Protein backbone atom coordinates (compact mmCIF):
# COMPACT_ATOMS: atom_id res chain seq x y z
CA MET A 1 0.00 0.00 0.00
CA THR A 2 1.25 3.48 -0.86
CA ILE A 3 0.33 7.10 -0.14
CA HIS A 4 -1.85 8.82 -2.74
CA LYS A 5 -0.22 11.76 -4.53
CA GLU A 6 -3.00 14.09 -3.32
CA GLY A 7 -1.90 13.44 0.26
CA TYR A 8 1.70 14.61 0.08
CA PRO A 9 1.05 18.37 0.59
CA THR A 10 -1.24 17.70 3.57
CA LEU A 11 1.20 15.24 5.11
CA ILE A 12 4.18 17.56 4.67
CA TYR A 13 2.44 20.67 6.04
CA GLY A 14 0.77 18.61 8.76
CA PHE A 15 4.11 17.22 9.89
CA LEU A 16 5.73 20.66 9.96
CA GLY A 17 2.78 22.16 11.83
CA LEU A 18 2.72 19.42 14.45
CA LEU A 19 6.50 19.56 14.80
CA ALA A 20 6.40 23.32 15.41
CA LEU A 21 3.58 22.93 17.95
CA ASN A 22 5.47 20.28 19.91
CA ILE A 23 8.71 22.26 19.90
CA ILE A 24 6.90 25.32 21.28
CA LEU A 25 5.23 23.25 23.99
CA TYR A 26 8.51 21.56 24.91
CA LEU A 27 10.20 24.93 25.34
CA TYR A 28 7.43 26.95 26.95
CA VAL A 29 4.71 24.62 28.31
CA PRO A 30 6.53 21.38 29.19
CA GLY A 31 3.64 20.16 31.33
CA LEU A 32 1.54 19.63 28.20
CA PHE A 33 4.30 18.35 25.95
CA TYR A 34 3.89 14.59 26.36
CA LEU A 35 0.09 14.68 26.11
CA VAL A 36 0.19 16.77 22.93
CA LEU A 37 3.00 14.62 21.51
CA ILE A 38 0.86 11.49 21.86
CA LEU A 39 -2.15 13.26 20.31
CA SER A 40 0.05 14.55 17.47
CA ILE A 41 1.27 11.04 16.68
CA LEU A 42 -2.31 9.74 16.60
CA VAL A 43 -3.42 12.60 14.33
CA TYR A 44 -0.55 11.96 11.94
CA ILE A 45 -1.28 8.22 11.84
CA PHE A 46 -4.87 9.12 10.91
CA LEU A 47 -3.66 11.39 8.10
CA ILE A 48 -1.42 8.65 6.70
CA SER A 49 -4.33 6.20 6.85
CA PHE A 50 -6.70 8.67 5.18
CA PHE A 51 -4.42 9.14 2.18
CA ARG A 52 -3.63 5.45 1.74
CA SER A 53 -3.76 4.17 -1.83
CA PRO A 54 -4.45 0.42 -1.99
CA ASP A 55 -3.87 -1.56 -5.17
CA ARG A 56 -7.29 -1.90 -6.81
CA SER A 57 -6.12 -2.69 -10.33
CA ILE A 58 -8.56 -4.64 -12.53
CA THR A 59 -7.29 -7.67 -14.42
CA ASP A 60 -10.52 -8.65 -16.24
CA LYS A 61 -12.62 -5.69 -17.33
CA ASP A 62 -16.34 -6.17 -17.92
CA ASN A 63 -18.11 -3.15 -19.35
CA SER A 64 -21.51 -4.73 -18.83
CA THR A 65 -20.94 -3.99 -15.13
CA ILE A 66 -20.84 -0.66 -13.32
CA LEU A 67 -18.31 -0.94 -10.51
CA SER A 68 -18.46 1.09 -7.34
CA PRO A 69 -16.56 4.37 -7.82
CA CYS A 70 -15.56 4.49 -4.15
CA ASP A 71 -15.49 2.75 -0.79
CA GLY A 72 -18.41 3.44 1.51
CA LYS A 73 -22.03 2.72 2.37
CA VAL A 74 -25.04 2.94 0.07
CA VAL A 75 -27.35 5.53 1.65
CA VAL A 76 -29.74 6.44 -1.20
CA ILE A 77 -31.45 4.45 -3.97
CA GLU A 78 -34.29 6.31 -5.64
CA GLN A 79 -35.72 7.46 -8.95
CA VAL A 80 -35.10 11.16 -9.54
CA PHE A 81 -35.04 13.71 -12.34
CA GLU A 82 -31.44 14.74 -13.11
CA PRO A 83 -31.65 18.41 -14.18
CA GLU A 84 -28.03 19.43 -14.77
CA PHE A 85 -27.04 17.46 -17.87
CA LEU A 86 -29.06 14.30 -18.51
CA LYS A 87 -32.38 16.11 -18.02
CA GLU A 88 -34.30 12.87 -17.62
CA LYS A 89 -35.44 10.42 -14.97
CA CYS A 90 -32.67 8.21 -13.59
CA THR A 91 -31.93 5.88 -10.73
CA GLN A 92 -29.78 7.69 -8.18
CA ILE A 93 -27.41 5.66 -5.99
CA SER A 94 -25.51 7.59 -3.33
CA ILE A 95 -22.48 6.20 -1.50
CA PHE A 96 -21.34 7.88 1.72
CA MET A 97 -17.62 7.82 2.52
CA SER A 98 -16.65 8.24 6.16
CA PRO A 99 -13.25 9.70 7.13
CA LEU A 100 -12.07 6.11 7.71
CA ASN A 101 -12.75 4.99 4.12
CA VAL A 102 -10.29 5.14 1.23
CA HIS A 103 -11.17 8.41 -0.51
CA ILE A 104 -9.97 7.67 -4.03
CA ASN A 105 -12.66 7.74 -6.73
CA TRP A 106 -12.50 5.35 -9.69
CA ILE A 107 -14.10 5.18 -13.14
CA PRO A 108 -16.94 2.61 -12.96
CA THR A 109 -16.81 1.57 -16.65
CA ASP A 110 -14.95 2.38 -19.87
CA ALA A 111 -16.27 5.74 -20.95
CA ASP A 112 -15.89 8.86 -23.06
CA ILE A 113 -16.26 12.05 -21.03
CA LEU A 114 -19.15 14.14 -22.37
CA TYR A 115 -19.34 16.71 -19.60
CA SER A 116 -17.26 17.79 -16.61
CA LYS A 117 -18.02 20.77 -14.41
CA TYR A 118 -17.02 21.96 -10.93
CA HIS A 119 -19.60 23.76 -8.77
CA PRO A 120 -18.67 25.76 -5.67
CA GLY A 121 -21.23 25.45 -2.90
CA LYS A 122 -22.09 24.79 0.72
CA PHE A 123 -20.66 22.16 3.05
CA LEU A 124 -23.76 20.46 4.43
CA VAL A 125 -23.27 17.02 5.97
CA ALA A 126 -22.85 14.55 3.11
CA TRP A 127 -26.05 12.61 3.88
CA HIS A 128 -28.23 15.77 3.78
CA PRO A 129 -30.92 15.49 1.05
CA LYS A 130 -29.77 18.77 -0.54
CA ALA A 131 -26.06 17.95 -0.46
CA SER A 132 -26.18 16.68 -4.06
CA THR A 133 -27.44 20.04 -5.36
CA ASP A 134 -26.25 22.63 -2.81
CA ASN A 135 -22.78 21.44 -1.72
CA GLU A 136 -19.45 21.93 -3.43
CA ARG A 137 -19.41 19.24 -6.11
CA THR A 138 -18.07 18.09 -9.45
CA THR A 139 -20.35 16.53 -12.05
CA VAL A 140 -19.04 14.22 -14.77
CA CYS A 141 -21.12 12.50 -17.46
CA TYR A 142 -19.80 9.43 -19.30
CA GLN A 143 -20.98 7.66 -22.41
CA GLN A 144 -20.34 4.00 -23.11
CA ASN A 145 -21.89 2.28 -26.15
CA GLY A 146 -24.51 5.00 -26.41
CA LYS A 147 -25.51 4.74 -22.75
CA LYS A 148 -24.96 7.63 -20.37
CA LEU A 149 -23.93 7.54 -16.71
CA LEU A 150 -23.59 10.65 -14.58
CA LEU A 151 -21.31 10.71 -11.54
CA ARG A 152 -21.24 13.49 -8.98
CA GLN A 153 -18.51 13.95 -6.36
CA VAL A 154 -20.05 15.79 -3.40
CA ALA A 155 -18.10 17.47 -0.61
CA GLY A 156 -19.26 16.93 2.96
CA ALA A 157 -19.12 18.99 6.15
CA MET A 158 -15.40 18.23 6.59
CA ALA A 159 -14.39 18.07 2.93
CA ARG A 160 -12.86 21.20 1.46
CA ARG A 161 -11.31 19.99 -1.77
CA ILE A 162 -12.57 17.85 -4.61
CA VAL A 163 -10.01 16.62 -7.12
CA ASN A 164 -11.28 15.48 -10.52
CA TYR A 165 -9.03 14.37 -13.38
CA ALA A 166 -11.75 14.07 -16.06
CA LYS A 167 -11.98 16.61 -18.87
CA GLU A 168 -14.50 16.74 -21.67
CA GLY A 169 -13.32 14.68 -24.63
CA ASP A 170 -11.12 12.38 -22.53
CA HIS A 171 -11.42 8.61 -22.65
CA PHE A 172 -11.07 6.58 -19.45
CA GLU A 173 -10.78 2.86 -18.91
CA GLN A 174 -12.74 1.02 -16.24
CA GLY A 175 -10.79 1.13 -13.00
CA GLN A 176 -8.73 4.24 -13.73
CA GLN A 177 -8.63 6.85 -11.01
CA LEU A 178 -11.16 9.65 -11.45
CA GLY A 179 -10.07 11.78 -8.52
CA PHE A 180 -10.05 12.23 -4.76
CA ILE A 181 -12.21 13.95 -2.13
CA LYS A 182 -10.58 15.07 1.10
CA PHE A 183 -12.10 14.40 4.53
CA GLY A 184 -15.63 13.03 4.40
CA SER A 185 -17.89 13.07 1.37
CA ARG A 186 -20.17 11.10 -0.94
CA VAL A 187 -20.49 10.04 -4.55
CA ASP A 188 -23.80 10.01 -6.44
CA LEU A 189 -24.37 7.82 -9.50
CA PHE A 190 -27.24 8.51 -11.90
CA LEU A 191 -28.00 5.39 -13.95
CA PRO A 192 -30.50 4.59 -16.72
CA LEU A 193 -33.81 3.37 -15.34
CA ASP A 194 -33.34 -0.01 -17.02
CA ALA A 195 -30.01 -0.67 -15.27
CA GLU A 196 -30.10 -3.87 -13.22
CA LEU A 197 -29.18 -2.86 -9.66
CA ARG A 198 -26.98 -5.15 -7.58
CA VAL A 199 -26.95 -3.21 -4.29
CA ASN A 200 -29.41 -2.25 -1.55
CA ILE A 201 -29.54 0.61 0.93
CA GLY A 202 -27.15 -0.10 3.78
CA ASP A 203 -24.74 -2.22 1.72
CA LYS A 204 -21.05 -1.54 2.21
CA VAL A 205 -19.22 -1.34 -1.11
CA THR A 206 -15.58 -1.40 -2.17
CA GLY A 207 -14.29 0.84 -4.94
CA ASN A 208 -13.27 -0.99 -8.13
CA ARG A 209 -14.53 -4.27 -6.67
CA SER A 210 -18.25 -4.16 -5.80
CA ILE A 211 -20.75 -4.31 -8.67
CA ILE A 212 -23.31 -1.52 -8.39
CA ALA A 213 -25.36 -2.46 -11.46
CA ARG A 214 -25.37 -4.15 -14.85
CA TRP A 215 -26.46 -2.55 -18.11
């Protein structure tokens, strides 16, 4: 397991900040030094864990399946009207990622990028019903064999940066990394109504491994 490239700035600045804090306490408030040192080590271990990058490479691709774009828990399955790009009824599947999950996002199926747009917004808790439309988010629409799939990365109350590598006109292979969301978030998938769902609310899914649906 390695550290994701998006984590290096946070880990470097975090280390320097914690180091400076502990030096100051050691010199001027020695009574708190050992307590803060222990807490600093625990915080840094959490940061390393958060930015972990496990090997999720795919050996046998199957573009009849839509793989989970992230680790987390399925919190929403419902039929909705998607107004931003598809402008039609879809099945929405939302996956909540806690701070303990791997926060890499993957491409669920081979796809050509039709649309990619970043939206600034609020930072409501990720499971809030309006998080998908009001929070900071990035929307990407893919097309594969004439079928369209829309994916939305949604920032949560703790998240303050969404990273998305997809640009309009790009082609991605199933299993490639789409991006990263820092510190708590969710991913929404908008699928055709005739997609055959393979998950239920409450299911825990693994990015690049769990099958969300077939089409």
